[in-house]
Amino acid sequence: MSDTDTYAATSEPAQAAPMVLSSTQQAAKLNATEAPPEQASDTQTPASLPVTEENNSSPFTGANKIETLLRHIAALIIFMMNSDEQLFLAFKSDKNPIAYPLKGKFVKRWIRQSAFAIGVLLKTDELSEVIENLCAYAACNGEPIRINHRVGPTESGSIEIDLCNSTGGRVLLDDGHATLLNEDSKTIFSRPEAMQALPTPATEGRWEELMPFLNMSDNDKWLLVAWMTYTLTHTKGSTAFPILVIRGQQGTGKSFLCKRIIRQLVDNHSAGIQLFPKNITDMAISSQNQHVLIYDNIRSLTKQWSDALCVAATGGSMSSRRLYSDAEESILIIHVAIVLNGIHSFVTEPDLSDRCITLDLDPISAAHRQEESVITRDLQEKLPGIFRGLIDLAAQALKVERSVEVPIKGRLADFSRWLAALEVAAKLEPTSLQQLYADNTKQAQLETIQGNPLGSEILIFAKKEDHWKGTPTELLTELVSTATASGDSTRRQSLPRSASALSKQLAALAAPLKHQGVDIEFSRGKERQITITDLEQYS
């Protein structure tokens, strides 16, 4: 990250700017013309969109070939902008509204094809002139509106999922049902160039058919299904996303799980799984075009990256100067679901581990190992039915999400509520999934504490003392004595060198230690006091 870049957490998830027009009004305008053109294919290649008769209200005069082309294009499209003032166009004849970036590759190819259809061959500089004219007009006349990516809310509070297929299909989750919509949707989605299609849901299906493809404990399978359905039904800016951490030895199928299952069922994208970015700016840019970011083979995370991942999961922003020649600030919102996989235990910061769901993959014996091509073929055949099962389950959970009781609330309370709703939808015992999540985060917190020299010593000390009170200096003396008596010189050398350093580090460990039943309290009198209590043994 450059010196001019900063990122900042927000107390609430990032919210979209207010809309000037409702999505109903906007969609009405988009559906105003007859004879809808053929949609673009799944790979975003421009279709043969017809050029209609001239639009008498067009601002373009038709005085030359550029003006003539602009006049024809104006009859086909409507301009809009998102909350960041990025410019888009949509085709009035789309059955379901799709917003395309005005300077994107798709629009450039479409303009060239539209020009060719009326006998105009555009040179590169002429294409740039057309686009600049459209941008200038859109900047003055574009209508600010919410533009969604992959998952979006309807005006009635339901959820739509963009399948990104050739028919413009969406899935509407409403009143406990999942319905395929090939037309008359009122929700506007963008489709970045690399976005790919989700499976077309089968008429009937069972999400349980996914289970044989998952080599993990039954408890972890349930948490994965919960994360997938939650991510498919919650929008950016509305909630915090738990970070999915997948760990496993070499050959346990981490990449297969991420690329073939999570990617294809939640947010299919040509990026697949990616190497971890070099800086937060790269992650923020990627988050604008993906609903889920998946990073492969993580070995370690710095404290700075741990903080940045917390911001990305809960919603925040980063800023930098637009140009080095001025002081104008550019704000980039970062809020995205994240998957991290690796061999090692790379989450070492308690604040990050509290936002994670950790899944451990089981080793695959030689007797049970199969060729990936065989497993992939079997999975591909079942994906439409699995996806149907997942969206049916998600629709049923959405119906009761706001009304369920949530006895066990984790750090990410919205996800705890989703687990309670999923218990109802899947007809599970009340609190069963909530308890799995609580146990999962507690174990993750324990691992981070045990990997922290001071945290590990405090756990040992609390079990020995039950209830202790003293100054930071006295506590450091006690810990040094215990570490020295163990005969392990590394334990002694890893402790803080001063009482003030101990106090600072211990304050950061107080919350995760509380999860393990060790209470840390700080108080002031003539001297600062620290009280350590083992809650399981002391009452």
Protein backbone atom coordinates (compact mmCIF):
# COMPACT_ATOMS: atom_id res chain seq x y z
CA MET A 1 0.00 0.00 0.00
CA SER A 2 1.39 3.43 -0.88
CA ASP A 3 1.85 6.15 1.70
CA THR A 4 -1.13 7.98 0.25
CA ASP A 5 -3.48 4.98 0.60
CA THR A 6 -5.44 4.33 3.76
CA TYR A 7 -8.26 2.03 4.67
CA ALA A 8 -10.80 2.63 7.38
CA ALA A 9 -13.40 0.42 9.02
CA THR A 10 -16.92 1.71 9.27
CA SER A 11 -19.13 1.04 12.24
CA GLU A 12 -21.90 -0.07 9.85
CA PRO A 13 -21.62 -1.90 6.50
CA ALA A 14 -21.20 0.38 3.50
CA GLN A 15 -24.53 1.64 2.16
CA ALA A 16 -25.44 2.47 -1.41
CA ALA A 17 -26.31 6.07 -2.22
CA PRO A 18 -30.02 6.98 -2.35
CA MET A 19 -31.66 6.43 -5.73
CA VAL A 20 -33.24 9.21 -7.72
CA LEU A 21 -35.62 6.76 -9.44
CA SER A 22 -37.06 3.61 -7.97
CA SER A 23 -35.98 0.38 -9.61
CA THR A 24 -39.60 -0.10 -10.71
CA GLN A 25 -39.55 3.22 -12.57
CA GLN A 26 -36.14 2.46 -14.03
CA ALA A 27 -37.14 -1.01 -15.21
CA ALA A 28 -40.29 0.42 -16.79
CA LYS A 29 -38.11 2.67 -18.91
CA LEU A 30 -35.81 -0.20 -19.81
CA ASN A 31 -38.75 -2.31 -20.98
CA ALA A 32 -40.39 0.50 -22.95
CA THR A 33 -39.57 -0.73 -26.48
CA GLU A 34 -40.89 -3.67 -28.42
CA ALA A 35 -39.12 -6.54 -30.21
CA PRO A 36 -36.32 -7.24 -27.71
CA PRO A 37 -32.94 -7.92 -29.31
CA GLU A 38 -31.06 -11.16 -28.85
CA GLN A 39 -29.14 -11.20 -25.56
CA ALA A 40 -25.38 -11.45 -25.28
CA SER A 41 -23.92 -14.91 -24.80
CA ASP A 42 -22.47 -16.22 -21.54
CA THR A 43 -19.02 -15.02 -22.63
CA GLN A 44 -20.31 -11.48 -23.16
CA THR A 45 -19.81 -11.48 -26.97
CA PRO A 46 -22.09 -8.80 -28.48
CA ALA A 47 -25.19 -10.17 -30.12
CA SER A 48 -26.60 -8.83 -33.37
CA LEU A 49 -28.61 -6.01 -31.83
CA PRO A 50 -30.83 -4.29 -34.40
CA VAL A 51 -30.56 -0.56 -34.97
CA THR A 52 -34.00 1.04 -34.80
CA GLU A 53 -35.29 4.12 -36.55
CA GLU A 54 -33.90 7.47 -35.53
CA ASN A 55 -34.89 8.90 -32.19
CA ASN A 56 -36.44 12.34 -32.81
CA SER A 57 -35.55 13.44 -29.28
CA SER A 58 -31.87 12.56 -29.70
CA PRO A 59 -29.41 15.39 -28.90
CA PHE A 60 -27.20 14.25 -31.78
CA THR A 61 -27.74 15.97 -35.13
CA GLY A 62 -26.61 13.36 -37.66
CA ALA A 63 -24.40 15.94 -39.42
CA ASN A 64 -21.59 13.41 -40.00
CA LYS A 65 -21.05 9.68 -39.57
CA ILE A 66 -20.20 10.02 -35.86
CA GLU A 67 -23.35 12.05 -35.22
CA THR A 68 -25.38 9.62 -37.34
CA LEU A 69 -24.14 6.66 -35.32
CA LEU A 70 -24.77 8.47 -32.03
CA ARG A 71 -28.30 9.28 -33.16
CA HIS A 72 -29.01 5.61 -33.87
CA ILE A 73 -27.42 4.41 -30.62
CA ALA A 74 -29.46 6.89 -28.60
CA ALA A 75 -32.64 5.14 -29.77
CA LEU A 76 -31.53 1.87 -28.17
CA ILE A 77 -30.17 2.75 -24.76
CA ILE A 78 -30.72 4.53 -21.49
CA PHE A 79 -27.94 6.08 -19.45
CA MET A 80 -27.43 5.57 -15.72
CA MET A 81 -24.79 5.91 -13.05
CA ASN A 82 -24.12 4.12 -9.78
CA SER A 83 -23.45 5.58 -6.35
CA ASP A 84 -19.77 6.10 -7.27
CA GLU A 85 -20.79 8.10 -10.35
CA GLN A 86 -19.53 5.39 -12.70
CA LEU A 87 -21.37 5.56 -16.03
CA PHE A 88 -23.38 2.70 -17.52
CA LEU A 89 -25.80 2.04 -20.33
CA ALA A 90 -28.62 -0.47 -20.57
CA PHE A 91 -30.61 -1.60 -23.58
CA LYS A 92 -34.25 -0.58 -23.51
CA SER A 93 -35.23 -3.90 -25.07
CA ASP A 94 -33.59 -6.19 -22.50
CA LYS A 95 -36.12 -8.56 -20.95
CA ASN A 96 -34.27 -8.19 -17.65
CA PRO A 97 -32.24 -4.99 -17.15
CA ILE A 98 -28.45 -5.28 -17.33
CA ALA A 99 -26.09 -2.33 -16.89
CA TYR A 100 -22.89 -2.28 -18.94
CA PRO A 101 -19.93 0.05 -18.15
CA LEU A 102 -19.81 2.72 -20.83
CA LYS A 103 -16.06 2.33 -21.27
CA GLY A 104 -16.10 -1.45 -21.00
CA LYS A 105 -15.04 -3.89 -23.71
CA PHE A 106 -18.58 -5.14 -24.26
CA VAL A 107 -19.89 -1.66 -25.08
CA LYS A 108 -16.95 -0.97 -27.41
CA ARG A 109 -17.59 -4.16 -29.35
CA TRP A 110 -21.31 -3.44 -29.51
CA ILE A 111 -20.73 0.09 -30.83
CA ARG A 112 -18.46 -1.24 -33.59
CA GLN A 113 -21.06 -3.83 -34.56
CA SER A 114 -23.89 -1.27 -34.50
CA ALA A 115 -21.83 1.01 -36.72
CA PHE A 116 -21.12 -1.81 -39.16
CA ALA A 117 -24.85 -2.62 -39.32
CA ILE A 118 -25.53 0.84 -40.80
CA GLY A 119 -22.51 0.80 -43.08
CA VAL A 120 -20.07 2.71 -40.86
CA LEU A 121 -16.56 1.40 -40.17
CA LEU A 122 -15.12 3.00 -37.06
CA LYS A 123 -11.42 3.72 -36.64
CA THR A 124 -9.95 3.58 -33.14
CA ASP A 125 -9.97 7.36 -32.69
CA GLU A 126 -13.56 7.53 -34.00
CA LEU A 127 -14.66 4.84 -31.55
CA SER A 128 -13.06 6.87 -28.74
CA GLU A 129 -14.94 9.97 -29.94
CA VAL A 130 -18.27 8.10 -29.88
CA ILE A 131 -17.64 6.82 -26.36
CA GLU A 132 -16.53 10.24 -25.10
CA ASN A 133 -19.70 11.80 -26.52
CA LEU A 134 -21.82 9.15 -24.79
CA CYS A 135 -19.96 9.67 -21.52
CA ALA A 136 -20.40 13.42 -21.69
CA TYR A 137 -24.13 13.04 -22.27
CA ALA A 138 -24.45 10.35 -19.56
CA ALA A 139 -22.61 12.49 -17.01
CA CYS A 140 -25.24 15.20 -17.44
CA ASN A 141 -28.31 13.02 -17.98
CA GLY A 142 -27.51 9.67 -16.35
CA GLU A 143 -29.97 8.66 -13.64
CA PRO A 144 -28.40 7.65 -10.31
CA ILE A 145 -29.65 4.24 -9.29
CA ARG A 146 -28.57 1.17 -7.35
CA ILE A 147 -26.70 -1.23 -9.63
CA ASN A 148 -26.17 -4.66 -8.12
CA HIS A 149 -23.61 -7.37 -8.66
CA ARG A 150 -24.69 -11.04 -8.58
CA VAL A 151 -27.08 -10.56 -5.61
CA GLY A 152 -29.53 -7.68 -5.27
CA PRO A 153 -32.61 -6.64 -3.28
CA THR A 154 -36.03 -6.04 -4.79
CA GLU A 155 -38.20 -3.11 -3.73
CA SER A 156 -40.40 -5.49 -1.73
CA GLY A 157 -37.44 -6.78 0.29
CA SER A 158 -36.98 -10.06 -1.58
CA ILE A 159 -33.68 -11.20 -3.11
CA GLU A 160 -32.69 -11.75 -6.72
CA ILE A 161 -29.64 -13.70 -7.91
CA ASP A 162 -28.25 -12.94 -11.38
CA LEU A 163 -27.51 -16.22 -13.18
CA CYS A 164 -25.48 -14.34 -15.83
CA ASN A 165 -26.74 -16.65 -18.57
CA SER A 166 -27.61 -15.94 -22.20
CA THR A 167 -31.31 -15.33 -21.44
CA GLY A 168 -30.63 -12.72 -18.76
CA GLY A 169 -32.13 -15.08 -16.20
CA ARG A 170 -32.43 -14.38 -12.49
CA VAL A 171 -33.65 -16.34 -9.51
CA LEU A 172 -36.21 -14.61 -7.29
CA LEU A 173 -36.24 -15.72 -3.64
CA ASP A 174 -39.56 -14.67 -2.19
CA ASP A 175 -42.00 -16.02 0.39
CA GLY A 176 -40.14 -19.29 0.80
CA HIS A 177 -39.91 -20.06 -2.94
CA ALA A 178 -37.16 -19.82 -5.56
CA THR A 179 -38.54 -18.78 -8.97
CA LEU A 180 -36.66 -18.50 -12.27
CA LEU A 181 -37.22 -15.09 -13.94
CA ASN A 182 -36.37 -14.75 -17.62
CA GLU A 183 -38.25 -11.45 -17.98
CA ASP A 184 -39.98 -8.63 -16.12
CA SER A 185 -37.36 -8.32 -13.37
CA LYS A 186 -37.22 -4.87 -11.78
CA THR A 187 -33.69 -5.25 -10.33
CA ILE A 188 -30.69 -3.89 -12.26
CA PHE A 189 -27.45 -5.89 -12.35
CA SER A 190 -24.05 -5.20 -13.82
CA ARG A 191 -22.13 -7.91 -15.62
CA PRO A 192 -18.37 -7.38 -15.63
CA GLU A 193 -16.48 -8.97 -18.51
CA ALA A 194 -15.10 -11.88 -16.45
CA MET A 195 -18.38 -12.77 -14.73
CA GLN A 196 -19.65 -16.24 -15.66
CA ALA A 197 -22.91 -18.12 -15.45
CA LEU A 198 -24.20 -19.99 -12.43
CA PRO A 199 -25.93 -23.33 -13.09
CA THR A 200 -29.44 -23.10 -14.47
CA PRO A 201 -31.43 -24.60 -11.59
CA ALA A 202 -33.15 -27.90 -12.25
CA THR A 203 -36.91 -28.13 -11.80
CA GLU A 204 -36.29 -30.19 -8.67
CA GLY A 205 -33.12 -30.88 -6.74
CA ARG A 206 -31.48 -31.79 -3.47
CA TRP A 207 -28.59 -29.87 -1.91
CA GLU A 208 -27.71 -33.07 -0.02
CA GLU A 209 -26.20 -34.42 -3.26
CA LEU A 210 -23.30 -32.05 -2.61
CA MET A 211 -22.24 -33.85 0.58
CA PRO A 212 -20.34 -36.79 -1.01
CA PHE A 213 -18.05 -34.29 -2.75
CA LEU A 214 -16.96 -32.74 0.57
CA ASN A 215 -14.11 -34.47 2.45
CA MET A 216 -14.64 -32.86 5.83
CA SER A 217 -16.51 -33.57 9.05
CA ASP A 218 -20.31 -33.48 9.04
CA ASN A 219 -20.20 -30.39 11.26
CA ASP A 220 -17.97 -28.57 8.79
CA LYS A 221 -20.25 -29.62 5.90
CA TRP A 222 -23.17 -27.90 7.60
CA LEU A 223 -21.15 -24.74 8.19
CA LEU A 224 -20.13 -24.70 4.50
CA VAL A 225 -23.77 -25.02 3.37
CA ALA A 226 -24.69 -22.23 5.80
CA TRP A 227 -21.93 -19.96 4.43
CA MET A 228 -22.87 -20.66 0.80
CA THR A 229 -26.60 -19.99 1.27
CA TYR A 230 -25.86 -16.88 3.36
CA THR A 231 -23.52 -15.48 0.70
CA LEU A 232 -26.04 -16.22 -2.06
CA THR A 233 -28.77 -14.27 -0.27
CA HIS A 234 -27.05 -11.24 1.27
CA THR A 235 -25.93 -8.15 -0.60
CA LYS A 236 -22.88 -6.00 -0.28
CA GLY A 237 -23.57 -3.04 1.96
CA SER A 238 -26.24 -4.85 3.97
CA THR A 239 -24.33 -7.19 6.26
CA ALA A 240 -20.95 -8.58 7.30
CA PHE A 241 -19.65 -11.69 5.54
CA PRO A 242 -17.86 -14.38 7.57
CA ILE A 243 -14.46 -15.16 6.05
CA LEU A 244 -14.27 -18.81 5.01
CA VAL A 245 -10.90 -20.37 5.92
CA ILE A 246 -10.14 -23.77 4.36
CA ARG A 247 -7.17 -25.72 5.67
CA GLY A 248 -5.78 -29.06 4.56
CA GLN A 249 -2.64 -30.95 3.76
CA GLN A 250 -1.37 -31.23 0.21
CA GLY A 251 -3.76 -33.38 -1.82
CA THR A 252 -6.87 -32.86 0.31
CA GLY A 253 -8.77 -31.09 -2.46
CA LYS A 254 -8.60 -27.46 -1.33
CA SER A 255 -8.41 -26.09 -4.86
CA PHE A 256 -11.14 -28.44 -6.10
CA LEU A 257 -13.48 -27.28 -3.34
CA CYS A 258 -12.79 -23.62 -4.05
CA LYS A 259 -12.78 -23.75 -7.86
CA ARG A 260 -15.33 -26.44 -8.69
CA ILE A 261 -17.81 -26.13 -5.85
CA ILE A 262 -17.76 -22.72 -4.15
CA ARG A 263 -16.91 -20.74 -7.29
CA GLN A 264 -19.44 -22.49 -9.55
CA LEU A 265 -22.31 -22.47 -7.04
CA VAL A 266 -21.95 -19.02 -5.46
CA ASP A 267 -20.15 -16.57 -7.79
CA ASN A 268 -18.79 -18.07 -10.99
CA HIS A 269 -15.97 -15.96 -12.42
CA SER A 270 -13.15 -16.48 -14.90
CA ALA A 271 -10.62 -15.51 -12.19
CA GLY A 272 -11.31 -18.84 -10.49
CA ILE A 273 -8.99 -18.91 -7.50
CA GLN A 274 -6.29 -16.27 -7.29
CA LEU A 275 -2.93 -15.64 -5.67
CA PHE A 276 -3.12 -13.29 -2.70
CA PRO A 277 -2.80 -9.64 -3.79
CA LYS A 278 0.26 -7.51 -3.15
CA ASN A 279 -1.69 -4.61 -1.65
CA ILE A 280 -5.14 -3.62 -0.40
CA THR A 281 -5.78 -1.49 -3.49
CA ASP A 282 -5.66 -4.58 -5.72
CA MET A 283 -8.09 -6.38 -3.41
CA ALA A 284 -10.45 -3.39 -3.34
CA ILE A 285 -10.49 -3.20 -7.15
CA SER A 286 -11.18 -6.94 -7.44
CA SER A 287 -14.02 -6.62 -4.95
CA GLN A 288 -15.83 -4.19 -7.27
CA ASN A 289 -16.28 -6.93 -9.88
CA GLN A 290 -16.79 -10.06 -7.77
CA HIS A 291 -19.24 -11.08 -5.08
CA VAL A 292 -16.70 -13.59 -3.70
CA LEU A 293 -12.90 -13.37 -3.72
CA ILE A 294 -11.06 -16.71 -3.43
CA TYR A 295 -7.35 -16.75 -2.58
CA ASP A 296 -5.18 -19.85 -2.85
CA ASN A 297 -2.25 -21.23 -0.87
CA ILE A 298 -1.97 -18.64 1.91
CA ARG A 299 1.11 -19.13 4.07
CA SER A 300 0.95 -16.21 6.49
CA LEU A 301 -0.82 -12.90 7.07
CA THR A 302 0.73 -9.76 8.48
CA LYS A 303 -1.09 -7.73 11.13
CA GLN A 304 -1.80 -5.10 8.48
CA TRP A 305 -3.41 -7.68 6.18
CA SER A 306 -5.38 -9.16 9.08
CA ASP A 307 -6.83 -5.72 9.76
CA ALA A 308 -7.56 -5.18 6.07
CA LEU A 309 -9.42 -8.50 5.79
CA CYS A 310 -11.56 -7.55 8.79
CA VAL A 311 -12.49 -4.31 7.01
CA ALA A 312 -13.27 -6.11 3.75
CA ALA A 313 -15.54 -8.63 5.47
CA THR A 314 -17.56 -6.13 7.49
CA GLY A 315 -17.49 -3.21 5.04
CA GLY A 316 -15.23 -0.18 4.89
CA SER A 317 -13.34 2.06 2.52
CA MET A 318 -9.90 3.07 1.40
CA SER A 319 -8.82 6.42 0.10
CA SER A 320 -6.02 7.99 -1.91
CA ARG A 321 -5.37 11.14 -3.89
CA ARG A 322 -6.90 11.09 -7.36
CA LEU A 323 -3.74 12.67 -8.77
CA TYR A 324 -0.39 13.40 -7.21
CA SER A 325 -0.80 16.97 -8.45
CA ASP A 326 -3.86 17.72 -6.33
CA ALA A 327 -5.35 17.03 -2.92
CA GLU A 328 -8.70 15.64 -4.07
CA GLU A 329 -9.53 12.39 -2.33
CA SER A 330 -10.72 9.25 -4.10
CA ILE A 331 -12.81 6.82 -2.02
CA LEU A 332 -13.02 3.13 -2.91
CA ILE A 333 -15.55 1.01 -1.03
CA ILE A 334 -14.39 -2.48 -0.11
CA HIS A 335 -16.95 -5.04 1.03
CA VAL A 336 -16.87 -8.62 -0.22
CA ALA A 337 -17.17 -12.26 0.80
CA ILE A 338 -13.72 -13.87 1.06
CA VAL A 339 -12.39 -17.44 0.94
CA LEU A 340 -8.82 -18.22 2.02
CA ASN A 341 -7.17 -21.62 1.70
CA GLY A 342 -3.80 -22.99 2.71
CA ILE A 343 -1.84 -25.75 4.38
CA HIS A 344 -0.70 -23.74 7.37
CA SER A 345 -2.61 -22.09 10.22
CA PHE A 346 -2.21 -18.62 8.79
CA VAL A 347 -4.84 -16.75 10.87
CA THR A 348 -2.91 -15.56 13.92
CA GLU A 349 -4.72 -12.37 14.94
CA PRO A 350 -7.64 -12.88 17.38
CA ASP A 351 -9.75 -10.11 15.83
CA LEU A 352 -9.56 -11.80 12.42
CA SER A 353 -10.16 -15.33 13.73
CA ASP A 354 -13.35 -14.10 15.40
CA ARG A 355 -14.69 -13.22 11.93
CA CYS A 356 -13.77 -16.57 10.34
CA ILE A 357 -15.35 -19.96 9.81
CA THR A 358 -12.55 -22.54 9.71
CA LEU A 359 -13.02 -25.80 7.79
CA ASP A 360 -10.43 -28.59 8.02
CA LEU A 361 -10.25 -31.01 5.09
CA ASP A 362 -9.62 -34.69 5.75
CA PRO A 363 -6.69 -36.50 4.12
CA ILE A 364 -7.67 -38.65 1.12
CA SER A 365 -6.21 -42.13 1.22
CA ALA A 366 -4.74 -43.72 -1.91
CA ALA A 367 -7.60 -46.23 -1.97
CA HIS A 368 -10.21 -43.45 -2.16
CA ARG A 369 -8.37 -41.06 -4.45
CA GLN A 370 -9.96 -40.51 -7.87
CA GLU A 371 -8.96 -38.60 -10.98
CA GLU A 372 -10.16 -34.99 -10.79
CA SER A 373 -11.63 -35.22 -14.29
CA VAL A 374 -13.88 -38.10 -13.18
CA ILE A 375 -15.07 -36.27 -10.05
CA THR A 376 -15.58 -33.05 -12.02
CA ARG A 377 -17.71 -34.81 -14.64
CA ASP A 378 -19.88 -36.37 -11.93
CA LEU A 379 -20.21 -33.01 -10.14
CA GLN A 380 -21.10 -31.12 -13.34
CA GLU A 381 -23.98 -33.50 -13.97
CA LYS A 382 -25.34 -32.90 -10.48
CA LEU A 383 -24.76 -29.11 -10.25
CA PRO A 384 -28.19 -28.01 -11.57
CA GLY A 385 -29.96 -30.18 -8.98
CA ILE A 386 -27.59 -29.17 -6.17
CA PHE A 387 -28.05 -25.50 -7.02
CA ARG A 388 -31.84 -25.92 -7.05
CA GLY A 389 -31.64 -27.53 -3.62
CA LEU A 390 -29.47 -24.72 -2.25
CA ILE A 391 -31.70 -21.89 -3.50
CA ASP A 392 -34.82 -23.68 -2.25
CA LEU A 393 -33.22 -24.04 1.17
CA ALA A 394 -32.08 -20.40 1.08
CA ALA A 395 -35.59 -19.18 0.14
CA GLN A 396 -37.11 -21.07 3.07
CA ALA A 397 -34.52 -19.64 5.47
CA LEU A 398 -35.08 -16.10 4.13
CA LYS A 399 -38.79 -16.39 4.85
CA VAL A 400 -38.19 -16.85 8.61
CA GLU A 401 -34.88 -14.98 8.99
CA ARG A 402 -36.30 -11.85 10.64
CA SER A 403 -38.67 -13.72 12.98
CA VAL A 404 -36.47 -16.43 14.50
CA GLU A 405 -35.04 -16.37 18.02
CA VAL A 406 -31.23 -16.33 18.23
CA PRO A 407 -30.14 -17.68 21.64
CA ILE A 408 -26.43 -17.99 20.72
CA LYS A 409 -25.10 -14.84 19.06
CA GLY A 410 -21.59 -14.80 17.67
CA ARG A 411 -19.41 -11.85 16.73
CA LEU A 412 -21.19 -11.67 13.36
CA ALA A 413 -24.76 -11.49 14.65
CA ASP A 414 -26.39 -11.50 11.21
CA PHE A 415 -24.76 -14.82 10.39
CA SER A 416 -25.91 -16.23 13.74
CA ARG A 417 -29.44 -15.20 12.80
CA TRP A 418 -29.08 -16.92 9.44
CA LEU A 419 -28.03 -20.13 11.21
CA ALA A 420 -31.15 -19.96 13.38
CA ALA A 421 -33.28 -19.52 10.22
CA LEU A 422 -31.48 -22.40 8.52
CA GLU A 423 -32.24 -24.63 11.51
CA VAL A 424 -35.93 -23.97 10.89
CA ALA A 425 -35.68 -24.43 7.11
CA ALA A 426 -33.72 -27.69 7.37
CA LYS A 427 -35.80 -28.95 10.32
CA LEU A 428 -32.80 -29.22 12.65
CA GLU A 429 -32.70 -29.05 16.43
CA PRO A 430 -32.89 -25.43 17.68
CA THR A 431 -29.43 -23.87 18.33
CA SER A 432 -27.64 -26.85 16.71
CA LEU A 433 -26.00 -24.79 13.95
CA GLN A 434 -25.54 -21.80 16.23
CA GLN A 435 -23.59 -23.98 18.65
CA LEU A 436 -21.45 -25.40 15.82
CA TYR A 437 -20.53 -21.85 14.82
CA ALA A 438 -19.77 -20.84 18.41
CA ASP A 439 -17.56 -23.91 18.90
CA ASN A 440 -15.81 -23.27 15.58
CA THR A 441 -14.90 -19.68 16.45
CA LYS A 442 -13.91 -20.66 20.00
CA GLN A 443 -11.48 -23.26 18.66
CA ALA A 444 -10.07 -20.76 16.16
CA GLN A 445 -9.57 -18.22 18.94
CA LEU A 446 -7.83 -20.85 21.08
CA GLU A 447 -5.39 -21.60 18.26
CA THR A 448 -4.51 -17.92 17.89
CA ILE A 449 -3.96 -17.59 21.65
CA GLN A 450 -1.83 -20.72 21.81
CA GLY A 451 0.24 -19.34 18.95
CA ASN A 452 0.78 -16.12 20.91
CA PRO A 453 3.56 -16.40 23.55
CA LEU A 454 1.85 -14.13 26.07
CA GLY A 455 -1.59 -15.62 25.46
CA SER A 456 -0.27 -19.13 25.97
CA GLU A 457 1.43 -18.15 29.26
CA ILE A 458 -1.74 -16.46 30.54
CA LEU A 459 -3.77 -19.63 29.87
CA ILE A 460 -1.28 -21.68 31.89
CA PHE A 461 -1.13 -19.06 34.64
CA ALA A 462 -4.93 -18.80 34.95
CA LYS A 463 -5.33 -22.56 35.36
CA LYS A 464 -2.76 -22.51 38.13
CA GLU A 465 -3.99 -19.45 40.05
CA ASP A 466 -7.81 -19.47 39.51
CA HIS A 467 -8.04 -15.83 40.64
CA TRP A 468 -5.13 -13.41 40.74
CA LYS A 469 -4.79 -9.64 41.15
CA GLY A 470 -1.71 -7.46 40.99
CA THR A 471 0.22 -4.83 39.08
CA PRO A 472 1.56 -5.33 35.56
CA THR A 473 5.07 -5.49 36.99
CA GLU A 474 4.04 -8.22 39.46
CA LEU A 475 2.32 -10.19 36.69
CA LEU A 476 5.38 -10.01 34.46
CA THR A 477 7.52 -11.24 37.35
CA GLU A 478 5.18 -14.19 37.90
CA LEU A 479 5.16 -15.12 34.21
CA VAL A 480 8.93 -14.88 33.91
CA SER A 481 9.31 -17.10 36.97
CA THR A 482 6.96 -19.73 35.55
CA ALA A 483 8.66 -19.67 32.14
CA THR A 484 12.13 -19.90 33.68
CA ALA A 485 11.11 -22.82 35.90
CA SER A 486 9.97 -24.76 32.82
CA GLY A 487 13.53 -24.85 31.54
CA ASP A 488 12.43 -23.62 28.12
CA SER A 489 14.51 -20.55 27.34
CA THR A 490 12.32 -19.74 24.32
CA ARG A 491 9.29 -19.19 26.60
CA ARG A 492 11.22 -16.68 28.68
CA GLN A 493 12.62 -14.81 25.70
CA SER A 494 9.20 -14.55 24.01
CA LEU A 495 7.58 -12.65 26.89
CA PRO A 496 7.24 -8.84 26.79
CA ARG A 497 10.34 -7.01 28.00
CA SER A 498 8.47 -4.43 30.09
CA ALA A 499 5.33 -4.10 32.18
CA SER A 500 3.91 -1.45 29.84
CA ALA A 501 4.41 -3.73 26.81
CA LEU A 502 2.71 -6.55 28.71
CA SER A 503 -0.32 -4.36 29.49
CA LYS A 504 -0.67 -3.31 25.87
CA GLN A 505 -0.46 -6.85 24.52
CA LEU A 506 -2.75 -8.26 27.20
CA ALA A 507 -5.47 -5.70 26.41
CA ALA A 508 -5.57 -6.99 22.81
CA LEU A 509 -5.88 -10.57 24.08
CA ALA A 510 -8.67 -9.91 26.60
CA ALA A 511 -11.57 -10.70 24.23
CA PRO A 512 -10.23 -14.01 22.85
CA LEU A 513 -9.17 -15.08 26.34
CA LYS A 514 -12.74 -14.45 27.50
CA HIS A 515 -13.89 -16.97 24.87
CA GLN A 516 -11.63 -19.53 26.57
CA GLY A 517 -13.07 -18.84 30.03
CA VAL A 518 -10.31 -16.52 31.25
CA ASP A 519 -11.46 -13.06 32.31
CA ILE A 520 -9.01 -10.12 32.23
CA GLU A 521 -9.92 -6.88 34.00
CA PHE A 522 -7.94 -3.66 34.21
CA SER A 523 -8.50 -1.16 37.02
CA ARG A 524 -6.75 1.90 38.44
CA GLY A 525 -5.97 2.99 41.95
CA LYS A 526 -2.64 4.33 43.04
CA GLU A 527 -1.25 1.80 40.59
CA ARG A 528 -2.76 0.03 37.63
CA GLN A 529 -4.18 -3.36 38.60
CA ILE A 530 -4.79 -6.48 36.51
CA THR A 531 -7.22 -9.17 37.63
CA ILE A 532 -7.08 -12.62 36.02
CA THR A 533 -9.90 -15.09 36.70
CA ASP A 534 -10.46 -18.63 35.47
CA LEU A 535 -14.24 -18.51 35.11
CA GLU A 536 -14.60 -22.28 35.01
CA GLN A 537 -12.85 -22.84 38.34
CA TYR A 538 -13.50 -19.64 40.28
CA SER A 539 -16.96 -18.51 41.38
